[in-house]
Structure formats: C-alpha cells, structure tokens
Amino acid sequence: MRLLHGLAVIAMLLIHPGTLRAQAPAAGGTVAGIVTDASTHAPLEDASVVLRSRTDSTRIVGTTTLKEGGFLFSHVAPGAYVVECSLIGHRSFRSPEFVISQANPRVNLRTISLKPSALVLDEVVISSERSLFNHSIDRRVYNVDRDLMARSSSVSDLLQNIPSVQVDIDGNVSLRGSADVMVLINGKKSPLMGKSRADVLQQLPAATIEKIEVITNPSARFTPEGTSGIINIVTRKGAGSGINGDVTGHLGTSGRHNENVSFGYHPARLDLFGNYSYRDDRRKRVGTDERTLAAPGPTRSYREDNVVAMRPHVHMGTLGLSYHPDPKNTLELSGDYFRRRPARDGLSSIVTRDGGGAILTDHDRRQTGYELESETGITGAFEHDFARENHSLRVEAIVSDAPQTEAAHFVERWRAPPATTDPASDVVLGQTERMGHLSVDYSDPVDERSKLEAGYALELHRQDIRSDAD
C-alpha cells in the first residue's frame, strides 16, 4: 500500500508540474486597491498613489489610477508599508500600516474613498498687462494707465513722453517736427482744440485720460487738416451707475497752481457729465537779441535785452449729457467754455552802436496790456448701432464762437540822442471767429478682412479782424 501511495504522488507531480510552482513563495509581494469618490462612489481616474516605507516614510514607488480607479504595485519587497492617495479637489488619504511577508505576500486595500475637499477651485482667471506702447499698422497707442508717474500731470506732459511728439515751452504741439497736426477728443473734433488748444492741453488733467493714439497714416475718413498726422486723446468712461467724480490740484513754484473738478451722474438711460478747471500760470522770461550788421550804413551792432512777465488766468469747463432711448440709439448734447486773460508787463532795452563802438541810439520800451481769448462751443450728435458689431451711423454738428481782444500800451524812454521826444502808443486788436461743422460717418465691417467707411463733412468758417492804433 505504501508503494502504491508513493507512485500516485509522483504521478500527480508529473502531470501537474505548475502546482509546485504555484505553491512556492513569489519573488515579491503585491499591493492593490480601487480609489473612488466618497460622495458619488464613482471611480477616480488619474489619482496619485504612493507606496511609502513605514519606518522613515521613504517613497518606494508611485503610480496613478486607471479609468476604473484601480492601481497595483508588484514586486514589493517584504517590509512594513503605508499607501498615500491624493487628487485635486479631494482630501488626501493615508492607509493604516500593513506588512508584506512570505506569509502575507498579497495585500488588497479594497476600496479607498476620497472625500471632496472644502476648497474647490471654482474658476481660473488669466490676466495680462498691456504694455506702455502698442503699435498697429496706422497708429501708435500710449496707454496712460501703465504710466503711474505721468497720471499726476497734465495732458501736455503726457504728450512729451510719446516718441515723435514735441511740446514747446508755450504748450504748442508738433508731430515729427511739423505743427500742422490735428488733435481729436475721442475720435471727434472739439471746439477747444482750435487756437487755444495749447492752454487746454496744459490744463487737462492726465488722470482723466485712458490712452493717446498717434495716427501717422490716417485714412481718407479723416479730413486732411493735419498733414503731419493726427493725435487722438481718448478719455475715461464713467464707471457704473450713480454719482462719481474727482478733484485734483497742482502747486508749482512762483505761485503757480491748477485745480480741476469733474463729476458724472448716470441714472438709468441718462448720462450727465461735467468738469471745470482753473489755472494761474505766472511766467517770467529773460532774453537777449544781439546782432552784427554787415549792411552799409553807420549802424554796425544791435542789442536788445528783454524782460517779460505774464500771468495768464485760464478758466475751462464742459457740461453735457447723453441719452440712450434704447440700446441701439444715443443722443448727445454738450457745451464747452474757455477763457484766457493773461496780463503782460515787459521792458526792452535797445542799444545800437557804430563800427567804433560808440552809441548811436539807446532807449527803453515798456509794454503793458492784456490779452483776452474766449471760446464757446455747442456739440450735438446722434449715433445708431446696427445689429452687427461696429456697424454704426453717426451724425454730428458743432457750432462755436471765438472772440479775441489784445490791448497794448507802449511808452519809450530815450537816453540817446537826448533831444528825442519820448513817444507813447496804444494798440487794440480785435478778432471774431465763428465756425460750423456738420459730419456724417458710416462704418460697416463687411467681414474679418475688410471694412467699409463712408461719410460727408461740411465746414463753415468766418473770421473778422479789426485793428485800432493811437
């Protein structure tokens, strides 16, 4: 019987050789499990699973869960371990300690439930900053809000920061060396941007400006007044409904000061806006004109020393409203006022000499007087927006009146020749200028690559000049 039993065992081993291998200890253990959401019980894909040593928390191996939420670590050496599992939007999980050994080569953690985290990412905000200067095909854009230092100055100071734009000591603007430049406000003409624009630009606060566009290659849409180019000043829009406003002031040397107040009121379909500014700009200039004359005659040199003091008082204001009967139509009405009255006091000392240096004539000329410039303008406009974006029609009319007066009193005091009588004279110059402007602009973006623009412009200009002298 014993012989028969031994032969049977040997026969079974020969017939089923894999039985012996299955019962032999494996080369390493395995750790498996499934990761699910604790609230929905749905499997979680791409969850991070890390196997760590229990003794020193060393990372042994890591993986991510499959689509069904499962994971598997194979060939794990005998030892004590823990499993950590994490996923964005869920709380991390750390398993209890378990041991891999010959007696326990396989560990099944079964289902690991990750609880949703209390901090859930609702949205991702991607922000970018505009550069100080932007360039396009026909214009350069100066973004004032990117220049924090410039926002505390005037528009005239802003223009000096733009390449190819020059501003002289009197505030006169030139583009690429030419003073024949047209200045627009929000893409439209303004009565204030006429003869008095130098003072207006020196007085407008930079905090009210959003950007300045320099158009060096204007299209046929713009009138050809500015042959050297166009400068478009874009103001800030009112923020939201209700009442808003600001007050600014500037102090300078020699008693100079400038104040500005502006407001906006936006009830429902109506927008009311206005601003007022005052500037006291005291100026004192010293100059010398010295010449050597080559023309025939006794006089060989001429020298004139000038000292001129001016004190311009400048008032400027705007008041307007826009009405939106519906989202597609807008009615606008605004009025502008400008008044500048500089007092003038000047002294000129003039000396001429002959070839030997002897004085031929020597006298002083004192000038006192004032200038008075004022300008009043009214602007009305209607704008209709069609269904397609940037498809619009605008009709605008401007009427302005700009009287100007200059009065000067001259007195001369002669020292040589001594017998010359001291003369005096008075000069009064007067000018009235009236302007009317009517424009119709139509814009239609036909497609992404083309745009149709058409329009009509009518301008009426009348100027009367008178001169009285005594």
Protein backbone atom coordinates (compact mmCIF):
# COMPACT_ATOMS: atom_id res chain seq x y z
CA MET A 1 0.00 0.00 0.00
CA ARG A 2 2.82 2.36 0.81
CA LEU A 3 4.38 1.66 -2.58
CA LEU A 4 1.12 2.39 -4.40
CA HIS A 5 0.62 5.68 -2.45
CA GLY A 6 4.16 6.94 -3.36
CA LEU A 7 3.66 6.15 -7.03
CA ALA A 8 0.40 8.09 -7.06
CA VAL A 9 2.03 11.21 -5.58
CA ILE A 10 4.88 11.10 -8.13
CA ALA A 11 2.38 10.70 -10.98
CA MET A 12 0.39 13.77 -9.85
CA LEU A 13 3.51 15.90 -9.71
CA LEU A 14 4.50 14.81 -13.22
CA ILE A 15 1.04 15.51 -14.61
CA HIS A 16 0.66 18.94 -12.82
CA PRO A 17 4.11 20.50 -12.62
CA GLY A 18 2.63 24.02 -12.19
CA THR A 19 1.15 23.04 -8.86
CA LEU A 20 4.57 23.05 -7.30
CA ARG A 21 5.43 26.47 -8.72
CA ALA A 22 2.12 27.99 -7.56
CA GLN A 23 2.75 26.94 -4.02
CA ALA A 24 6.30 28.30 -3.98
CA PRO A 25 6.81 31.79 -2.47
CA ALA A 26 6.76 34.65 -5.08
CA ALA A 27 9.77 36.94 -5.82
CA GLY A 28 7.91 39.87 -4.19
CA GLY A 29 4.51 40.90 -2.88
CA THR A 30 1.70 42.94 -4.42
CA VAL A 31 -0.44 45.82 -3.19
CA ALA A 32 -3.76 46.59 -4.94
CA GLY A 33 -6.86 48.72 -4.44
CA ILE A 34 -9.56 50.88 -6.04
CA VAL A 35 -9.96 54.66 -5.49
CA THR A 36 -13.48 56.12 -5.56
CA ASP A 37 -15.26 59.39 -4.73
CA ALA A 38 -16.77 59.25 -1.25
CA SER A 39 -19.90 61.19 -2.23
CA THR A 40 -20.71 59.70 -5.65
CA HIS A 41 -18.90 56.32 -5.23
CA ALA A 42 -17.66 56.75 -8.81
CA PRO A 43 -14.14 55.54 -9.64
CA LEU A 44 -11.49 58.27 -9.79
CA GLU A 45 -9.08 58.25 -12.70
CA ASP A 46 -5.54 59.70 -12.54
CA ALA A 47 -5.47 59.83 -8.75
CA SER A 48 -1.91 59.86 -7.38
CA VAL A 49 -0.99 56.74 -5.32
CA VAL A 50 2.37 56.45 -3.49
CA LEU A 51 3.78 53.46 -1.60
CA ARG A 52 5.97 54.59 1.34
CA SER A 53 8.10 52.82 3.91
CA ARG A 54 6.52 52.82 7.34
CA THR A 55 9.78 53.32 9.19
CA ASP A 56 11.05 56.57 7.56
CA SER A 57 8.25 57.49 5.06
CA THR A 58 10.65 56.96 2.14
CA ARG A 59 8.89 56.92 -1.22
CA ILE A 60 9.22 53.44 -2.66
CA VAL A 61 7.16 53.70 -5.85
CA GLY A 62 4.25 55.72 -7.23
CA THR A 63 1.56 55.41 -9.88
CA THR A 64 -1.81 56.83 -10.98
CA THR A 65 -5.16 55.09 -11.04
CA LEU A 66 -6.67 53.68 -14.22
CA LYS A 67 -10.03 54.60 -15.70
CA GLU A 68 -11.74 52.09 -13.40
CA GLY A 69 -9.96 53.63 -10.39
CA GLY A 70 -7.69 50.62 -9.78
CA PHE A 71 -3.95 50.53 -9.02
CA LEU A 72 -1.39 47.77 -8.49
CA PHE A 73 2.15 47.65 -7.05
CA SER A 74 4.04 44.44 -7.85
CA HIS A 75 7.43 43.00 -6.81
CA VAL A 76 7.19 44.70 -3.40
CA ALA A 77 9.97 43.59 -1.07
CA PRO A 78 8.99 42.27 2.39
CA GLY A 79 8.53 45.04 4.93
CA ALA A 80 6.09 47.45 6.59
CA TYR A 81 4.37 49.99 4.34
CA VAL A 82 1.62 52.61 4.05
CA VAL A 83 -0.19 53.93 0.95
CA GLU A 84 -0.94 57.62 0.35
CA CYS A 85 -3.53 58.72 -2.21
CA SER A 86 -4.42 62.27 -3.41
CA LEU A 87 -6.36 64.06 -6.15
CA ILE A 88 -7.07 67.76 -6.79
CA GLY A 89 -10.39 68.72 -5.23
CA HIS A 90 -10.26 65.87 -2.68
CA ARG A 91 -8.72 65.30 0.73
CA SER A 92 -5.59 63.17 0.87
CA PHE A 93 -5.77 59.59 2.25
CA ARG A 94 -3.18 57.63 4.27
CA SER A 95 -3.76 53.92 4.88
CA PRO A 96 -3.02 52.04 8.10
CA GLU A 97 0.25 50.14 8.33
CA PHE A 98 0.44 46.76 6.59
CA VAL A 99 3.19 44.16 6.19
CA ILE A 100 4.40 42.26 3.13
CA SER A 101 5.95 38.90 4.04
CA GLN A 102 6.21 35.31 2.83
CA ALA A 103 3.18 34.51 4.91
CA ASN A 104 1.27 37.57 3.58
CA PRO A 105 2.58 38.36 0.06
CA ARG A 106 -0.62 39.94 -1.26
CA VAL A 107 -2.37 42.98 0.27
CA ASN A 108 -5.69 44.21 -1.10
CA LEU A 109 -6.70 47.59 0.29
CA ARG A 110 -10.07 47.13 -1.41
CA THR A 111 -11.88 50.49 -1.85
CA ILE A 112 -10.26 53.80 -0.91
CA SER A 113 -12.84 56.60 -0.70
CA LEU A 114 -11.55 60.17 -1.13
CA LYS A 115 -13.72 62.89 0.40
CA PRO A 116 -14.25 66.09 -1.64
CA SER A 117 -12.20 68.99 -0.32
CA ALA A 118 -13.91 72.07 1.17
CA LEU A 119 -11.69 74.28 -1.03
CA VAL A 120 -12.93 73.70 -4.56
CA LEU A 121 -11.44 75.71 -7.43
CA ASP A 122 -14.44 77.48 -8.97
CA GLU A 123 -12.67 79.31 -11.79
CA VAL A 124 -9.29 80.14 -13.21
CA VAL A 125 -8.63 83.80 -14.04
CA ILE A 126 -5.91 84.52 -16.59
CA SER A 127 -4.81 88.15 -16.59
CA SER A 128 -2.32 90.05 -18.69
CA GLU A 129 -0.95 93.59 -18.61
CA ARG A 130 -0.89 95.98 -21.53
CA SER A 131 2.47 97.42 -22.41
CA LEU A 132 3.11 101.15 -22.22
CA PHE A 133 3.18 101.46 -26.03
CA ASN A 134 1.26 99.37 -28.57
CA HIS A 135 1.84 99.53 -32.31
CA SER A 136 -0.51 98.77 -35.18
CA ILE A 137 -0.48 99.39 -38.92
CA ASP A 138 -1.57 103.03 -38.85
CA ARG A 139 -1.06 104.20 -35.26
CA ARG A 140 0.89 104.05 -32.01
CA VAL A 141 -1.05 103.83 -28.74
CA TYR A 142 0.26 105.25 -25.46
CA ASN A 143 -1.58 103.58 -22.54
CA VAL A 144 -1.67 106.22 -19.83
CA ASP A 145 -2.83 103.79 -17.11
CA ARG A 146 0.51 101.93 -17.43
CA ASP A 147 2.48 105.10 -16.58
CA LEU A 148 1.74 105.82 -12.93
CA MET A 149 4.12 108.79 -12.72
CA ALA A 150 2.53 110.56 -15.69
CA ARG A 151 -1.04 110.28 -14.37
CA SER A 152 -0.43 113.06 -11.85
CA SER A 153 0.48 115.59 -14.56
CA SER A 154 -1.35 117.25 -17.47
CA VAL A 155 -2.10 116.04 -21.00
CA SER A 156 0.62 118.34 -22.30
CA ASP A 157 3.12 116.47 -20.11
CA LEU A 158 1.81 113.13 -21.39
CA LEU A 159 2.44 114.14 -24.99
CA GLN A 160 6.10 114.81 -24.21
CA ASN A 161 6.51 111.12 -23.32
CA ILE A 162 5.46 109.95 -26.80
CA PRO A 163 8.18 109.49 -29.43
CA SER A 164 7.94 111.85 -32.45
CA VAL A 165 5.67 114.28 -30.49
CA GLN A 166 7.20 117.57 -29.31
CA VAL A 167 5.73 120.21 -26.98
CA ASP A 168 7.42 123.62 -26.70
CA ILE A 169 7.54 125.93 -23.69
CA ASP A 170 4.22 127.54 -24.65
CA GLY A 171 2.45 124.17 -24.96
CA ASN A 172 2.31 124.13 -28.77
CA VAL A 173 2.26 120.56 -30.12
CA SER A 174 4.12 119.34 -33.19
CA LEU A 175 4.36 115.87 -34.72
CA ARG A 176 7.55 114.76 -36.49
CA GLY A 177 8.72 118.39 -36.48
CA SER A 178 5.54 119.83 -38.04
CA ALA A 179 2.99 121.94 -36.17
CA ASP A 180 0.33 121.05 -38.78
CA VAL A 181 -1.22 118.32 -36.62
CA MET A 182 -4.92 117.71 -35.87
CA VAL A 183 -5.92 116.92 -32.27
CA LEU A 184 -9.15 114.95 -31.68
CA ILE A 185 -11.04 114.12 -28.48
CA ASN A 186 -12.45 110.57 -28.53
CA GLY A 187 -12.06 110.48 -32.30
CA LYS A 188 -14.10 113.67 -32.82
CA LYS A 189 -13.40 117.35 -33.30
CA SER A 190 -13.71 119.64 -30.31
CA PRO A 191 -14.16 123.43 -30.30
CA LEU A 192 -11.44 123.62 -27.64
CA MET A 193 -8.82 122.12 -29.94
CA GLY A 194 -8.58 125.26 -32.09
CA LYS A 195 -6.30 128.22 -31.41
CA SER A 196 -6.50 127.70 -27.64
CA ARG A 197 -5.54 124.02 -27.64
CA ALA A 198 -2.08 124.69 -26.17
CA ASP A 199 -3.65 126.09 -23.00
CA VAL A 200 -6.32 123.38 -22.96
CA LEU A 201 -3.75 120.59 -23.16
CA GLN A 202 -1.69 122.19 -20.40
CA GLN A 203 -4.77 122.32 -18.21
CA LEU A 204 -6.44 118.94 -18.84
CA PRO A 205 -5.54 116.51 -16.00
CA ALA A 206 -3.85 113.31 -17.13
CA ALA A 207 -5.95 111.27 -14.68
CA THR A 208 -8.99 111.71 -16.96
CA ILE A 209 -7.20 110.19 -19.99
CA GLU A 210 -7.23 106.48 -20.85
CA LYS A 211 -4.89 106.46 -23.84
CA ILE A 212 -3.41 108.65 -26.58
CA GLU A 213 -3.29 107.48 -30.19
CA VAL A 214 -0.81 108.91 -32.69
CA ILE A 215 -2.09 108.27 -36.23
CA THR A 216 0.74 108.91 -38.66
CA ASN A 217 -1.00 107.35 -41.65
CA PRO A 218 -4.66 108.50 -41.45
CA SER A 219 -7.20 107.03 -43.84
CA ALA A 220 -9.49 109.01 -46.11
CA ARG A 221 -12.08 109.01 -43.34
CA PHE A 222 -10.31 111.92 -41.64
CA THR A 223 -10.25 115.45 -43.02
CA PRO A 224 -6.81 116.47 -44.36
CA GLU A 225 -6.26 119.28 -41.84
CA GLY A 226 -3.38 117.60 -40.06
CA THR A 227 -0.96 116.85 -42.87
CA SER A 228 1.69 115.55 -40.46
CA GLY A 229 -0.75 113.26 -38.64
CA ILE A 230 -3.50 113.05 -36.04
CA ILE A 231 -3.34 112.85 -32.25
CA ASN A 232 -6.47 111.27 -30.74
CA ILE A 233 -6.98 111.73 -26.99
CA VAL A 234 -9.29 109.05 -25.53
CA THR A 235 -10.88 109.97 -22.20
CA ARG A 236 -12.00 107.57 -19.49
CA LYS A 237 -15.62 106.44 -19.44
CA GLY A 238 -17.91 106.82 -16.43
CA ALA A 239 -17.80 103.82 -14.11
CA GLY A 240 -21.18 102.19 -13.43
CA SER A 241 -24.36 103.87 -12.33
CA GLY A 242 -24.81 106.51 -9.64
CA ILE A 243 -22.63 109.54 -8.95
CA ASN A 244 -18.86 109.67 -9.31
CA GLY A 245 -16.27 112.40 -9.58
CA ASP A 246 -12.81 113.55 -8.61
CA VAL A 247 -10.96 116.69 -7.52
CA THR A 248 -7.29 117.31 -8.33
CA GLY A 249 -4.89 120.16 -7.71
CA HIS A 250 -1.31 121.06 -8.59
CA LEU A 251 1.06 123.55 -6.96
CA GLY A 252 4.22 124.89 -8.56
CA THR A 253 6.91 127.45 -8.00
CA SER A 254 6.35 131.23 -8.15
CA GLY A 255 2.70 130.88 -7.10
CA ARG A 256 1.59 128.63 -9.97
CA HIS A 257 -1.42 126.46 -9.26
CA ASN A 258 -4.03 124.45 -11.15
CA GLU A 259 -7.31 122.96 -9.87
CA ASN A 260 -9.77 120.61 -11.57
CA VAL A 261 -13.11 119.15 -10.55
CA SER A 262 -15.20 116.69 -12.57
CA PHE A 263 -18.35 114.66 -11.97
CA GLY A 264 -20.56 112.08 -13.61
CA TYR A 265 -24.15 111.08 -12.90
CA HIS A 266 -25.61 108.01 -14.58
CA PRO A 267 -29.26 107.40 -13.78
CA ALA A 268 -30.71 104.64 -15.98
CA ARG A 269 -30.69 105.79 -19.63
CA LEU A 270 -29.26 109.26 -18.98
CA ASP A 271 -25.60 110.20 -18.50
CA LEU A 272 -24.69 113.64 -17.15
CA PHE A 273 -21.07 114.79 -17.02
CA GLY A 274 -19.12 117.96 -16.45
CA ASN A 275 -15.80 119.40 -15.40
CA TYR A 276 -14.28 122.75 -14.52
CA SER A 277 -10.63 123.74 -14.16
CA TYR A 278 -8.74 126.93 -13.30
CA ARG A 279 -5.06 127.71 -13.86
CA ASP A 280 -2.92 130.59 -12.64
CA ASP A 281 0.34 130.34 -14.56
CA ARG A 282 2.83 133.11 -13.80
CA ARG A 283 5.70 133.38 -16.27
CA LYS A 284 8.83 135.49 -16.41
CA ARG A 285 11.13 135.38 -19.40
CA VAL A 286 14.51 136.98 -19.99
CA GLY A 287 16.06 137.15 -23.45
CA THR A 288 18.77 138.87 -25.46
CA ASP A 289 18.89 139.63 -29.18
CA GLU A 290 22.40 140.67 -30.29
CA ARG A 291 23.33 141.20 -33.96
CA THR A 292 26.29 142.36 -36.02
CA LEU A 293 25.14 144.19 -39.18
CA ALA A 294 27.05 143.85 -42.45
CA ALA A 295 24.82 146.17 -44.49
CA PRO A 296 26.17 149.60 -45.49
CA GLY A 297 25.43 152.38 -43.01
CA PRO A 298 26.64 153.82 -39.72
CA THR A 299 24.99 151.14 -37.53
CA ARG A 300 27.18 148.08 -37.03
CA SER A 301 25.66 146.36 -33.99
CA TYR A 302 22.23 145.96 -32.38
CA ARG A 303 21.45 144.62 -28.90
CA GLU A 304 18.07 144.19 -27.25
CA ASP A 305 17.56 142.86 -23.68
CA ASN A 306 14.03 141.77 -22.78
CA VAL A 307 12.29 141.03 -19.50
CA VAL A 308 8.64 139.99 -19.86
CA ALA A 309 6.27 138.94 -17.06
CA MET A 310 2.92 137.33 -17.85
CA ARG A 311 0.16 135.98 -15.64
CA PRO A 312 -2.50 134.03 -17.57
CA HIS A 313 -5.74 133.27 -15.75
CA VAL A 314 -7.38 130.36 -17.55
CA HIS A 315 -10.92 129.04 -16.98
CA MET A 316 -12.20 125.96 -18.79
CA GLY A 317 -15.39 123.97 -18.42
CA THR A 318 -17.55 121.33 -20.09
CA LEU A 319 -21.13 120.30 -19.39
CA GLY A 320 -23.04 117.66 -21.31
CA LEU A 321 -25.44 114.75 -21.38
CA SER A 322 -26.12 111.65 -23.42
CA TYR A 323 -29.48 109.89 -23.61
CA HIS A 324 -30.00 106.25 -24.58
CA PRO A 325 -33.65 105.69 -25.53
CA ASP A 326 -32.74 102.08 -26.38
CA PRO A 327 -29.52 100.04 -26.61
CA LYS A 328 -29.08 100.90 -30.31
CA ASN A 329 -29.50 104.70 -30.30
CA THR A 330 -27.72 107.53 -28.49
CA LEU A 331 -28.38 111.28 -28.38
CA GLU A 332 -25.60 113.62 -27.20
CA LEU A 333 -25.53 117.31 -26.30
CA SER A 334 -22.60 119.15 -24.74
CA GLY A 335 -21.22 122.65 -24.28
CA ASP A 336 -17.62 123.84 -23.88
CA TYR A 337 -16.31 127.10 -22.47
CA PHE A 338 -12.77 128.51 -22.46
CA ARG A 339 -11.49 131.89 -21.21
CA ARG A 340 -7.87 133.05 -21.03
CA ARG A 341 -6.80 136.51 -19.89
CA PRO A 342 -3.03 136.98 -19.48
CA ALA A 343 -1.73 140.31 -18.17
CA ARG A 344 1.54 141.42 -19.72
CA ASP A 345 4.34 143.67 -18.40
CA GLY A 346 7.55 143.90 -20.43
CA LEU A 347 10.66 146.03 -20.62
CA SER A 348 13.07 146.11 -23.58
CA SER A 349 16.40 147.95 -23.56
CA ILE A 350 17.68 148.62 -27.11
CA VAL A 351 21.17 149.93 -27.97
CA THR A 352 22.78 150.46 -31.41
CA ARG A 353 26.47 151.23 -31.98
CA ASP A 354 28.69 152.27 -34.88
CA GLY A 355 31.81 150.48 -36.11
CA GLY A 356 33.98 152.08 -33.41
CA GLY A 357 31.65 151.03 -30.57
CA ALA A 358 30.13 154.46 -29.97
CA ILE A 359 26.43 154.53 -29.00
CA LEU A 360 24.14 155.75 -31.72
CA THR A 361 20.75 155.14 -30.05
CA ASP A 362 19.79 153.99 -26.56
CA HIS A 363 16.25 153.71 -25.24
CA ASP A 364 13.85 151.58 -23.18
CA ARG A 365 10.45 150.43 -24.40
CA ARG A 366 7.88 149.42 -21.76
CA GLN A 367 4.81 147.46 -22.72
CA THR A 368 1.73 146.90 -20.54
CA GLY A 369 -1.56 145.39 -21.52
CA TYR A 370 -3.58 142.22 -21.66
CA GLU A 371 -4.98 139.59 -23.99
CA LEU A 372 -8.47 138.15 -23.79
CA GLU A 373 -9.32 134.90 -25.55
CA SER A 374 -12.64 133.13 -25.12
CA GLU A 375 -14.34 130.29 -26.92
CA THR A 376 -17.81 128.82 -26.60
CA GLY A 377 -18.96 125.72 -28.44
CA ILE A 378 -22.06 123.53 -28.60
CA THR A 379 -21.99 119.96 -29.93
CA GLY A 380 -24.97 117.77 -30.78
CA ALA A 381 -24.82 114.23 -32.13
CA PHE A 382 -26.95 111.17 -32.94
CA GLU A 383 -25.48 107.68 -33.18
CA HIS A 384 -27.16 104.44 -34.24
CA ASP A 385 -25.61 100.98 -33.79
CA PHE A 386 -26.82 98.28 -36.15
CA ALA A 387 -27.16 94.62 -35.25
CA ARG A 388 -23.63 93.69 -36.35
CA GLU A 389 -20.78 94.77 -34.12
CA ASN A 390 -19.02 98.03 -35.12
CA HIS A 391 -21.71 98.68 -37.75
CA SER A 392 -22.77 102.26 -36.96
CA LEU A 393 -24.02 105.59 -38.27
CA ARG A 394 -23.18 108.91 -36.59
CA VAL A 395 -24.38 112.45 -37.35
CA GLU A 396 -22.66 115.33 -35.55
CA ALA A 397 -22.97 119.13 -35.59
CA ILE A 398 -20.71 121.71 -33.90
CA VAL A 399 -21.16 125.47 -33.60
CA SER A 400 -18.50 127.65 -31.94
CA ASP A 401 -17.72 131.34 -31.39
CA ALA A 402 -14.20 132.55 -30.51
CA PRO A 403 -13.75 136.32 -29.97
CA GLN A 404 -10.29 137.65 -29.16
CA THR A 405 -9.00 141.03 -27.97
CA GLU A 406 -5.45 142.28 -27.41
CA ALA A 407 -4.68 145.67 -25.89
CA ALA A 408 -1.16 147.05 -25.50
CA HIS A 409 0.25 150.39 -24.25
CA PHE A 410 3.83 151.31 -25.25
CA VAL A 411 6.00 154.07 -23.73
CA GLU A 412 9.58 154.78 -24.85
CA ARG A 413 12.26 156.48 -22.76
CA TRP A 414 15.19 157.76 -24.87
CA ARG A 415 18.68 158.35 -23.49
CA ALA A 416 20.46 158.85 -26.83
CA PRO A 417 20.06 161.00 -28.75
CA PRO A 418 18.97 163.16 -25.77
CA ALA A 419 16.81 165.52 -27.83
CA THR A 420 14.46 162.72 -28.97
CA THR A 421 10.86 163.04 -27.74
CA ASP A 422 9.56 160.10 -25.67
CA PRO A 423 6.66 158.69 -27.71
CA ALA A 424 3.70 156.64 -26.46
CA SER A 425 1.24 154.49 -28.38
CA ASP A 426 -1.82 152.30 -27.84
CA VAL A 427 -2.78 149.37 -29.98
CA VAL A 428 -6.06 147.41 -29.79
CA LEU A 429 -6.58 144.30 -31.92
CA GLY A 430 -9.94 142.58 -32.14
CA GLN A 431 -11.00 139.39 -33.85
CA THR A 432 -14.16 137.32 -34.05
CA GLU A 433 -14.19 133.81 -35.44
CA ARG A 434 -17.25 131.65 -35.97
CA MET A 435 -17.19 128.04 -37.07
CA GLY A 436 -19.82 125.49 -38.05
CA HIS A 437 -19.16 121.80 -38.64
CA LEU A 438 -21.52 119.05 -39.84
CA SER A 439 -20.38 115.47 -40.40
CA VAL A 440 -21.99 112.13 -41.23
CA ASP A 441 -19.94 108.96 -40.67
CA TYR A 442 -20.94 105.44 -41.66
CA SER A 443 -18.91 102.35 -40.79
CA ASP A 444 -19.65 98.76 -41.84
CA PRO A 445 -17.26 95.83 -41.12
CA VAL A 446 -18.08 93.70 -44.16
CA ASP A 447 -16.06 90.72 -42.95
CA GLU A 448 -12.95 89.93 -40.94
CA ARG A 449 -10.62 91.25 -43.65
CA SER A 450 -12.43 94.32 -44.99
CA LYS A 451 -14.30 97.35 -43.72
CA LEU A 452 -16.43 99.96 -45.48
CA GLU A 453 -16.30 103.59 -44.29
CA ALA A 454 -18.15 106.49 -45.88
CA GLY A 455 -19.05 109.98 -44.79
CA TYR A 456 -19.70 113.63 -45.53
CA ALA A 457 -18.25 116.74 -43.90
CA LEU A 458 -19.30 120.39 -44.22
CA GLU A 459 -17.40 123.24 -42.59
CA LEU A 460 -18.29 126.92 -42.42
CA HIS A 461 -15.66 129.38 -41.23
CA ARG A 462 -15.94 133.15 -40.82
CA GLN A 463 -13.29 135.45 -39.42
CA ASP A 464 -13.47 139.23 -38.85
CA ILE A 465 -10.39 141.20 -37.80
CA ARG A 466 -10.16 144.84 -36.69
CA SER A 467 -7.17 146.91 -35.62
CA ASP A 468 -7.13 150.29 -33.86
CA ALA A 469 -3.92 152.24 -33.14
CA ASP A 470 -3.24 155.61 -31.49
